[in-house]
């Protein structure tokens, strides 16, 4: 099966071997270090390792944030922002389903718009001033299209609700 390239507002590679395109996308844009967001199960089963192996082969340093929870919470995003800042990374690679994508989106937008660090203020169409940190999404599930949309859902356990951010 061939690797295909599909361009909308973003670029989408799909097909066997598509993850091999990740290092080139990173280096062409001049990024130096990746912050890899994934969940513990994908790390344990070696799925995330297929992506980080490509980064290693290309000599791209990376740091892993594997504390992604199903239905990511406000704290999950805030912890991810702190880990991103501490990592010294300048871009994000999200590996997983909707939860990994949603967490990475929250991290990326707050990293560039720290005035939204409470996360709750992102609900709805937030008046952010800066684009999110450049992110490459590697979906491991199909159905939510989280890898190609600007929407993300965060859980507020205190109020027992989920809220949508755009």
N, C-alpha and C. Protein backbone atom coordinates (compact mmCIF):
# COMPACT_ATOMS: atom_id res chain seq x y z
N UNK A 1 0.85 -1.17 0.00
CA UNK A 1 0.00 0.00 0.00
C UNK A 1 0.89 1.24 0.00
N UNK A 2 0.56 2.22 -0.77
CA UNK A 2 1.36 3.44 -0.90
C UNK A 2 1.01 4.44 0.20
N UNK A 3 1.97 5.28 0.50
CA UNK A 3 1.73 6.40 1.40
C UNK A 3 1.08 7.50 0.57
N UNK A 4 0.00 8.06 1.07
CA UNK A 4 -0.73 9.10 0.37
C UNK A 4 -0.63 10.40 1.16
N UNK A 5 -0.73 11.52 0.47
CA UNK A 5 -0.69 12.83 1.11
C UNK A 5 -1.97 13.57 0.76
N UNK A 6 -2.65 14.11 1.78
CA UNK A 6 -3.92 14.78 1.61
C UNK A 6 -3.79 16.14 2.27
N UNK A 7 -4.00 17.24 1.55
CA UNK A 7 -3.79 18.58 2.09
C UNK A 7 -5.12 19.32 2.19
N UNK A 8 -5.47 19.75 3.41
CA UNK A 8 -6.61 20.65 3.64
C UNK A 8 -6.00 21.87 4.30
N UNK A 9 -6.52 22.27 5.45
CA UNK A 9 -5.86 23.32 6.22
C UNK A 9 -4.57 22.76 6.82
N UNK A 10 -4.56 21.48 7.01
CA UNK A 10 -3.40 20.77 7.53
C UNK A 10 -3.00 19.72 6.52
N UNK A 11 -1.90 19.07 6.78
CA UNK A 11 -1.44 18.00 5.90
C UNK A 11 -1.76 16.69 6.58
N UNK A 12 -2.25 15.73 5.82
CA UNK A 12 -2.57 14.43 6.37
C UNK A 12 -1.89 13.35 5.53
N UNK A 13 -1.03 12.57 6.16
CA UNK A 13 -0.44 11.41 5.51
C UNK A 13 -1.23 10.20 5.99
N UNK A 14 -1.48 9.26 5.11
CA UNK A 14 -2.15 8.04 5.52
C UNK A 14 -1.65 6.90 4.66
N UNK A 15 -1.80 5.71 5.19
CA UNK A 15 -1.34 4.53 4.49
C UNK A 15 -0.15 3.91 5.21
N UNK A 16 0.20 2.71 4.78
CA UNK A 16 1.30 1.99 5.41
C UNK A 16 2.57 2.82 5.33
N UNK A 17 3.24 2.97 6.45
CA UNK A 17 4.50 3.71 6.49
C UNK A 17 4.36 5.20 6.69
N UNK A 18 3.14 5.69 6.88
CA UNK A 18 2.92 7.13 7.01
C UNK A 18 3.70 7.74 8.18
N UNK A 19 3.90 6.99 9.26
CA UNK A 19 4.65 7.58 10.39
C UNK A 19 6.09 7.87 10.02
N UNK A 20 6.57 7.28 8.94
CA UNK A 20 7.92 7.57 8.48
C UNK A 20 8.08 8.99 7.96
N UNK A 21 6.96 9.67 7.71
CA UNK A 21 6.99 11.06 7.24
C UNK A 21 7.16 12.06 8.39
N UNK A 22 6.97 11.62 9.63
CA UNK A 22 7.00 12.53 10.77
C UNK A 22 8.34 13.26 10.91
N UNK A 23 9.47 12.56 10.90
CA UNK A 23 10.75 13.29 11.05
C UNK A 23 10.96 14.38 10.00
N UNK A 24 10.59 14.10 8.77
CA UNK A 24 10.74 15.10 7.71
C UNK A 24 9.90 16.33 7.96
N UNK A 25 8.66 16.13 8.43
CA UNK A 25 7.79 17.27 8.74
C UNK A 25 8.39 18.11 9.87
N UNK A 26 9.00 17.45 10.83
CA UNK A 26 9.61 18.17 11.96
C UNK A 26 10.84 18.95 11.50
N UNK A 27 11.73 18.30 10.79
CA UNK A 27 12.98 18.96 10.39
C UNK A 27 12.76 20.05 9.35
N UNK A 28 11.83 19.84 8.42
CA UNK A 28 11.55 20.88 7.41
C UNK A 28 11.07 22.17 8.04
N UNK A 29 10.42 22.05 9.18
CA UNK A 29 9.90 23.23 9.87
C UNK A 29 10.90 23.81 10.87
N UNK A 30 12.03 23.14 11.03
CA UNK A 30 13.08 23.67 11.91
C UNK A 30 12.87 23.43 13.39
N UNK A 31 12.03 22.47 13.75
CA UNK A 31 11.83 22.17 15.17
C UNK A 31 12.99 21.32 15.69
N UNK A 32 13.26 21.44 16.98
CA UNK A 32 14.42 20.79 17.56
C UNK A 32 14.09 19.61 18.48
N UNK A 33 12.94 19.66 19.16
CA UNK A 33 12.63 18.60 20.13
C UNK A 33 11.12 18.37 20.18
N UNK A 34 10.74 17.11 20.19
CA UNK A 34 9.32 16.73 20.22
C UNK A 34 8.87 16.38 21.63
N UNK A 35 7.66 16.78 21.94
CA UNK A 35 6.99 16.40 23.18
C UNK A 35 5.93 15.39 22.76
N UNK A 36 6.14 14.13 23.10
CA UNK A 36 5.26 13.05 22.65
C UNK A 36 4.19 12.80 23.71
N UNK A 37 2.93 13.00 23.33
CA UNK A 37 1.79 12.77 24.22
C UNK A 37 1.13 11.46 23.86
N UNK A 38 1.01 10.57 24.82
CA UNK A 38 0.36 9.28 24.57
C UNK A 38 -0.20 8.75 25.88
N UNK A 39 -0.89 7.64 25.80
CA UNK A 39 -1.42 7.06 27.04
C UNK A 39 -0.60 5.85 27.46
N UNK A 40 -0.66 5.49 28.73
CA UNK A 40 0.17 4.40 29.24
C UNK A 40 -0.01 3.07 28.52
N UNK A 41 -1.23 2.75 28.09
CA UNK A 41 -1.45 1.49 27.40
C UNK A 41 -0.76 1.45 26.04
N UNK A 42 -0.81 2.55 25.30
CA UNK A 42 -0.14 2.58 24.00
C UNK A 42 1.37 2.50 24.15
N UNK A 43 1.88 3.05 25.23
CA UNK A 43 3.31 2.92 25.51
C UNK A 43 3.63 1.47 25.84
N UNK A 44 2.84 0.88 26.73
CA UNK A 44 3.08 -0.51 27.16
C UNK A 44 2.99 -1.50 26.00
N UNK A 45 2.08 -1.27 25.05
CA UNK A 45 1.91 -2.20 23.93
C UNK A 45 2.81 -1.88 22.75
N UNK A 46 3.69 -0.90 22.90
CA UNK A 46 4.67 -0.60 21.86
C UNK A 46 4.19 0.26 20.71
N UNK A 47 2.98 0.75 20.78
CA UNK A 47 2.45 1.57 19.70
C UNK A 47 3.19 2.91 19.64
N UNK A 48 3.32 3.55 20.77
CA UNK A 48 4.02 4.84 20.83
C UNK A 48 5.48 4.66 20.42
N UNK A 49 6.06 3.52 20.78
CA UNK A 49 7.45 3.23 20.44
C UNK A 49 7.71 3.18 18.95
N UNK A 50 6.70 2.85 18.15
CA UNK A 50 6.88 2.85 16.70
C UNK A 50 7.14 4.27 16.20
N UNK A 51 6.51 5.25 16.84
CA UNK A 51 6.70 6.66 16.46
C UNK A 51 8.02 7.17 17.01
N UNK A 52 8.29 6.90 18.29
CA UNK A 52 9.54 7.41 18.86
C UNK A 52 10.77 6.77 18.21
N UNK A 53 10.63 5.56 17.70
CA UNK A 53 11.73 4.92 16.98
C UNK A 53 12.08 5.71 15.72
N UNK A 54 11.06 6.23 15.06
CA UNK A 54 11.29 7.07 13.87
C UNK A 54 12.02 8.35 14.25
N UNK A 55 11.66 8.92 15.39
CA UNK A 55 12.35 10.12 15.87
C UNK A 55 13.80 9.80 16.19
N UNK A 56 14.02 8.66 16.85
CA UNK A 56 15.39 8.24 17.18
C UNK A 56 16.23 8.04 15.93
N UNK A 57 15.66 7.36 14.94
CA UNK A 57 16.38 7.10 13.69
C UNK A 57 16.82 8.39 13.01
N UNK A 58 16.00 9.44 13.16
CA UNK A 58 16.29 10.74 12.53
C UNK A 58 17.13 11.65 13.43
N UNK A 59 17.43 11.17 14.64
CA UNK A 59 18.22 11.98 15.56
C UNK A 59 17.45 13.15 16.16
N UNK A 60 16.14 13.01 16.23
CA UNK A 60 15.30 14.07 16.81
C UNK A 60 15.05 13.74 18.28
N UNK A 61 15.52 14.60 19.19
CA UNK A 61 15.27 14.34 20.61
C UNK A 61 13.77 14.48 20.93
N UNK A 62 13.34 13.75 21.94
CA UNK A 62 11.94 13.79 22.33
C UNK A 62 11.81 13.48 23.81
N UNK A 63 10.70 13.90 24.34
CA UNK A 63 10.35 13.59 25.73
C UNK A 63 8.92 13.08 25.74
N UNK A 64 8.66 12.08 26.57
CA UNK A 64 7.35 11.43 26.60
C UNK A 64 6.52 11.93 27.77
N UNK A 65 5.29 12.29 27.47
CA UNK A 65 4.26 12.54 28.49
C UNK A 65 3.21 11.46 28.29
N UNK A 66 3.24 10.46 29.17
CA UNK A 66 2.35 9.31 29.00
C UNK A 66 1.26 9.23 30.06
N UNK A 67 0.91 10.37 30.59
CA UNK A 67 -0.11 10.40 31.63
C UNK A 67 -1.49 10.79 31.10
N UNK A 68 -1.71 10.55 29.83
CA UNK A 68 -3.00 10.84 29.21
C UNK A 68 -4.04 9.90 29.79
N UNK A 69 -5.13 10.46 30.21
CA UNK A 69 -6.21 9.69 30.81
C UNK A 69 -7.40 9.65 29.84
N UNK A 70 -8.20 8.59 29.90
CA UNK A 70 -9.45 8.62 29.11
C UNK A 70 -10.29 9.80 29.62
N UNK A 71 -10.92 10.50 28.71
CA UNK A 71 -11.69 11.68 29.09
C UNK A 71 -10.82 12.64 29.90
N UNK A 72 -9.81 13.23 29.27
CA UNK A 72 -8.82 14.03 29.99
C UNK A 72 -9.44 15.15 30.82
N UNK A 73 -8.88 15.32 31.99
CA UNK A 73 -9.40 16.31 32.93
C UNK A 73 -8.61 17.62 32.85
N UNK A 74 -9.13 18.61 33.52
CA UNK A 74 -8.46 19.91 33.61
C UNK A 74 -7.05 19.71 34.15
N UNK A 75 -6.93 18.94 35.24
CA UNK A 75 -5.61 18.70 35.85
C UNK A 75 -4.69 17.96 34.89
N UNK A 76 -5.23 17.01 34.14
CA UNK A 76 -4.42 16.27 33.18
C UNK A 76 -3.78 17.22 32.16
N UNK A 77 -4.57 18.17 31.67
CA UNK A 77 -4.05 19.16 30.72
C UNK A 77 -3.02 20.06 31.42
N UNK A 78 -3.34 20.53 32.61
CA UNK A 78 -2.42 21.41 33.33
C UNK A 78 -1.09 20.71 33.63
N UNK A 79 -1.16 19.46 34.03
CA UNK A 79 0.08 18.69 34.26
C UNK A 79 0.87 18.55 32.96
N UNK A 80 0.16 18.35 31.86
CA UNK A 80 0.82 18.25 30.56
C UNK A 80 1.50 19.55 30.15
N UNK A 81 0.86 20.68 30.43
CA UNK A 81 1.46 21.98 30.13
C UNK A 81 2.76 22.15 30.92
N UNK A 82 2.72 21.81 32.21
CA UNK A 82 3.93 21.92 33.04
C UNK A 82 5.03 21.01 32.51
N UNK A 83 4.67 19.79 32.12
CA UNK A 83 5.66 18.85 31.59
C UNK A 83 6.23 19.35 30.26
N UNK A 84 5.37 19.92 29.41
CA UNK A 84 5.82 20.46 28.13
C UNK A 84 6.83 21.58 28.36
N UNK A 85 6.49 22.51 29.24
CA UNK A 85 7.39 23.63 29.52
C UNK A 85 8.72 23.13 30.08
N UNK A 86 8.68 22.17 30.97
CA UNK A 86 9.90 21.64 31.59
C UNK A 86 10.75 20.85 30.59
N UNK A 87 10.13 20.32 29.55
CA UNK A 87 10.85 19.46 28.60
C UNK A 87 11.78 20.22 27.66
N UNK A 88 11.48 21.48 27.42
CA UNK A 88 12.26 22.23 26.45
C UNK A 88 11.90 21.90 25.01
N UNK A 89 10.82 21.17 24.81
CA UNK A 89 10.36 20.82 23.46
C UNK A 89 9.76 22.04 22.79
N UNK A 90 9.76 22.03 21.46
CA UNK A 90 9.18 23.15 20.72
C UNK A 90 8.05 22.71 19.80
N UNK A 91 7.65 21.44 19.88
CA UNK A 91 6.51 20.94 19.11
C UNK A 91 5.97 19.70 19.79
N UNK A 92 4.78 19.28 19.37
CA UNK A 92 4.09 18.14 20.00
C UNK A 92 3.81 17.07 18.96
N UNK A 93 3.95 15.81 19.39
CA UNK A 93 3.48 14.67 18.60
C UNK A 93 2.49 13.92 19.50
N UNK A 94 1.23 13.90 19.09
CA UNK A 94 0.19 13.21 19.85
C UNK A 94 -0.05 11.84 19.22
N UNK A 95 0.03 10.79 20.04
CA UNK A 95 -0.16 9.42 19.57
C UNK A 95 -1.30 8.82 20.38
N UNK A 96 -2.39 8.47 19.71
CA UNK A 96 -3.49 7.84 20.43
C UNK A 96 -4.83 8.15 19.82
N UNK A 97 -5.83 8.00 20.65
CA UNK A 97 -7.20 8.29 20.25
C UNK A 97 -7.58 9.71 20.63
N UNK A 98 -8.87 9.93 20.74
CA UNK A 98 -9.37 11.26 21.03
C UNK A 98 -8.83 11.86 22.32
N UNK A 99 -8.61 11.05 23.33
CA UNK A 99 -8.10 11.59 24.61
C UNK A 99 -6.70 12.15 24.46
N UNK A 100 -5.83 11.44 23.76
CA UNK A 100 -4.46 11.94 23.54
C UNK A 100 -4.50 13.20 22.68
N UNK A 101 -5.34 13.20 21.65
CA UNK A 101 -5.44 14.36 20.77
C UNK A 101 -5.98 15.57 21.54
N UNK A 102 -7.03 15.34 22.32
CA UNK A 102 -7.64 16.45 23.07
C UNK A 102 -6.67 17.02 24.11
N UNK A 103 -5.96 16.15 24.79
CA UNK A 103 -4.98 16.62 25.78
C UNK A 103 -3.89 17.42 25.10
N UNK A 104 -3.38 16.91 23.98
CA UNK A 104 -2.32 17.61 23.26
C UNK A 104 -2.79 18.97 22.76
N UNK A 105 -4.03 19.04 22.29
CA UNK A 105 -4.56 20.33 21.83
C UNK A 105 -4.62 21.33 22.98
N UNK A 106 -5.09 20.88 24.14
CA UNK A 106 -5.14 21.76 25.30
C UNK A 106 -3.75 22.23 25.71
N UNK A 107 -2.80 21.32 25.72
CA UNK A 107 -1.41 21.66 26.06
C UNK A 107 -0.87 22.68 25.07
N UNK A 108 -1.07 22.41 23.79
CA UNK A 108 -0.53 23.28 22.75
C UNK A 108 -1.11 24.68 22.77
N UNK A 109 -2.40 24.80 23.06
CA UNK A 109 -3.00 26.14 23.07
C UNK A 109 -2.58 26.91 24.32
N UNK A 110 -2.52 26.25 25.46
CA UNK A 110 -2.14 26.95 26.70
C UNK A 110 -0.65 27.30 26.69
N UNK A 111 0.17 26.46 26.09
CA UNK A 111 1.60 26.77 26.02
C UNK A 111 1.84 28.09 25.30
N UNK A 112 1.00 28.41 24.31
CA UNK A 112 1.15 29.64 23.54
C UNK A 112 0.24 30.77 24.02
N UNK A 113 -0.70 30.44 24.89
CA UNK A 113 -1.66 31.40 25.43
C UNK A 113 -1.81 31.14 26.93
N UNK A 114 -0.78 31.45 27.73
CA UNK A 114 -0.79 31.08 29.15
C UNK A 114 -1.91 31.71 29.97
N UNK A 115 -2.55 32.73 29.45
CA UNK A 115 -3.67 33.34 30.17
C UNK A 115 -4.86 32.39 30.29
N UNK A 116 -4.83 31.26 29.58
CA UNK A 116 -5.90 30.27 29.64
C UNK A 116 -5.50 29.05 30.49
N UNK A 117 -4.52 29.22 31.36
CA UNK A 117 -3.98 28.11 32.15
C UNK A 117 -5.01 27.43 33.05
N UNK A 118 -6.10 28.11 33.36
CA UNK A 118 -7.14 27.48 34.18
C UNK A 118 -7.89 26.41 33.40
N UNK A 119 -7.72 26.36 32.09
CA UNK A 119 -8.33 25.42 31.14
C UNK A 119 -9.82 25.70 30.95
N UNK A 120 -10.55 25.95 31.99
CA UNK A 120 -12.00 26.18 31.90
C UNK A 120 -12.32 27.38 31.00
N UNK A 121 -11.46 28.38 30.99
CA UNK A 121 -11.72 29.57 30.18
C UNK A 121 -11.59 29.29 28.68
N UNK A 122 -11.16 28.10 28.31
CA UNK A 122 -11.09 27.71 26.90
C UNK A 122 -12.44 27.20 26.37
N UNK A 123 -13.41 27.02 27.25
CA UNK A 123 -14.69 26.48 26.83
C UNK A 123 -15.31 27.32 25.72
N UNK A 124 -15.89 26.65 24.77
CA UNK A 124 -16.50 27.34 23.63
C UNK A 124 -15.43 27.79 22.66
N UNK A 125 -15.68 28.91 22.01
CA UNK A 125 -14.70 29.48 21.08
C UNK A 125 -13.90 30.51 21.86
N UNK A 126 -12.75 30.08 22.36
CA UNK A 126 -11.93 30.95 23.22
C UNK A 126 -11.23 32.02 22.38
N UNK A 127 -11.13 33.22 22.94
CA UNK A 127 -10.48 34.33 22.22
C UNK A 127 -8.95 34.29 22.34
N UNK A 128 -8.37 33.18 21.93
CA UNK A 128 -6.91 33.06 22.00
C UNK A 128 -6.27 33.99 20.97
N UNK A 129 -5.08 34.44 21.27
CA UNK A 129 -4.38 35.37 20.38
C UNK A 129 -3.33 34.65 19.52
N UNK A 130 -2.80 33.56 20.02
CA UNK A 130 -1.72 32.85 19.34
C UNK A 130 -2.15 31.45 18.92
N UNK A 131 -1.61 31.00 17.79
CA UNK A 131 -1.85 29.63 17.35
C UNK A 131 -1.26 28.67 18.37
N UNK A 132 -1.81 27.49 18.43
CA UNK A 132 -1.28 26.44 19.31
C UNK A 132 0.12 26.04 18.85
N UNK A 133 0.86 25.43 19.74
CA UNK A 133 2.15 24.84 19.41
C UNK A 133 1.95 23.87 18.25
N UNK A 134 2.88 23.87 17.30
CA UNK A 134 2.79 22.96 16.16
C UNK A 134 2.65 21.54 16.67
N UNK A 135 1.66 20.82 16.13
CA UNK A 135 1.35 19.47 16.59
C UNK A 135 1.17 18.53 15.41
N UNK A 136 1.78 17.35 15.54
CA UNK A 136 1.55 16.25 14.61
C UNK A 136 0.71 15.22 15.34
N UNK A 137 -0.40 14.83 14.74
CA UNK A 137 -1.30 13.87 15.37
C UNK A 137 -1.20 12.52 14.68
N UNK A 138 -1.02 11.48 15.47
CA UNK A 138 -0.94 10.12 14.95
C UNK A 138 -2.11 9.34 15.56
N UNK A 139 -3.23 9.24 14.84
CA UNK A 139 -4.40 8.57 15.40
C UNK A 139 -4.25 7.06 15.43
N UNK A 140 -4.71 6.48 16.51
CA UNK A 140 -4.68 5.03 16.64
C UNK A 140 -6.10 4.46 16.64
N UNK A 141 -7.08 5.32 16.52
CA UNK A 141 -8.48 4.90 16.44
C UNK A 141 -9.12 5.68 15.30
N UNK A 142 -10.29 5.25 14.88
CA UNK A 142 -11.02 5.97 13.84
C UNK A 142 -12.39 6.33 14.38
N UNK A 143 -12.88 7.47 13.97
CA UNK A 143 -14.25 7.81 14.34
C UNK A 143 -14.44 9.22 14.84
N UNK A 144 -13.51 9.74 15.64
CA UNK A 144 -13.72 11.07 16.20
C UNK A 144 -13.17 12.17 15.31
N UNK A 145 -12.24 11.86 14.45
CA UNK A 145 -11.55 12.84 13.59
C UNK A 145 -10.81 13.87 14.43
N UNK A 146 -10.46 13.52 15.65
CA UNK A 146 -9.76 14.45 16.55
C UNK A 146 -8.44 14.91 15.97
N UNK A 147 -7.86 14.10 15.09
CA UNK A 147 -6.56 14.44 14.52
C UNK A 147 -6.65 15.54 13.46
N UNK A 148 -7.83 15.85 12.97
CA UNK A 148 -7.96 16.85 11.91
C UNK A 148 -8.90 18.01 12.25
N UNK A 149 -9.37 18.08 13.47
CA UNK A 149 -10.27 19.17 13.84
C UNK A 149 -9.62 20.07 14.89
N UNK A 150 -10.20 21.25 15.06
CA UNK A 150 -9.71 22.18 16.07
C UNK A 150 -10.50 22.05 17.38
N UNK A 151 -11.43 21.13 17.44
CA UNK A 151 -12.25 20.93 18.63
C UNK A 151 -11.59 19.95 19.58
N UNK A 152 -11.81 20.14 20.86
CA UNK A 152 -11.35 19.17 21.84
C UNK A 152 -12.26 19.23 23.06
N UNK A 153 -12.35 18.11 23.78
CA UNK A 153 -13.26 17.98 24.91
C UNK A 153 -12.45 17.70 26.17
N UNK A 154 -12.74 18.45 27.21
CA UNK A 154 -12.06 18.30 28.50
C UNK A 154 -13.11 18.00 29.57
N UNK A 155 -12.75 17.19 30.54
CA UNK A 155 -13.66 16.82 31.63
C UNK A 155 -13.38 17.68 32.85
N UNK A 156 -14.46 18.18 33.44
CA UNK A 156 -14.38 18.93 34.70
C UNK A 156 -14.98 18.03 35.77
N UNK A 157 -14.13 17.26 36.48
CA UNK A 157 -14.68 16.31 37.46
C UNK A 157 -15.35 16.99 38.64
N UNK A 158 -14.94 18.21 38.96
CA UNK A 158 -15.54 18.94 40.08
C UNK A 158 -17.02 19.23 39.81
N UNK A 159 -17.34 19.59 38.57
CA UNK A 159 -18.71 19.91 38.18
C UNK A 159 -19.39 18.73 37.48
N UNK A 160 -18.67 17.59 37.39
CA UNK A 160 -19.17 16.38 36.76
C UNK A 160 -19.76 16.70 35.37
N UNK A 161 -18.89 17.23 34.53
CA UNK A 161 -19.32 17.58 33.18
C UNK A 161 -18.13 17.59 32.23
N UNK A 162 -18.44 17.55 30.95
CA UNK A 162 -17.44 17.72 29.91
C UNK A 162 -17.75 19.04 29.22
N UNK A 163 -16.68 19.69 28.70
CA UNK A 163 -16.92 20.91 27.94
C UNK A 163 -16.08 20.89 26.67
N UNK A 164 -16.65 21.49 25.64
CA UNK A 164 -16.01 21.52 24.32
C UNK A 164 -15.28 22.83 24.17
N UNK A 165 -14.07 22.73 23.61
CA UNK A 165 -13.23 23.90 23.33
C UNK A 165 -12.96 23.93 21.83
N UNK A 166 -12.86 25.15 21.31
CA UNK A 166 -12.56 25.34 19.89
C UNK A 166 -11.44 26.35 19.79
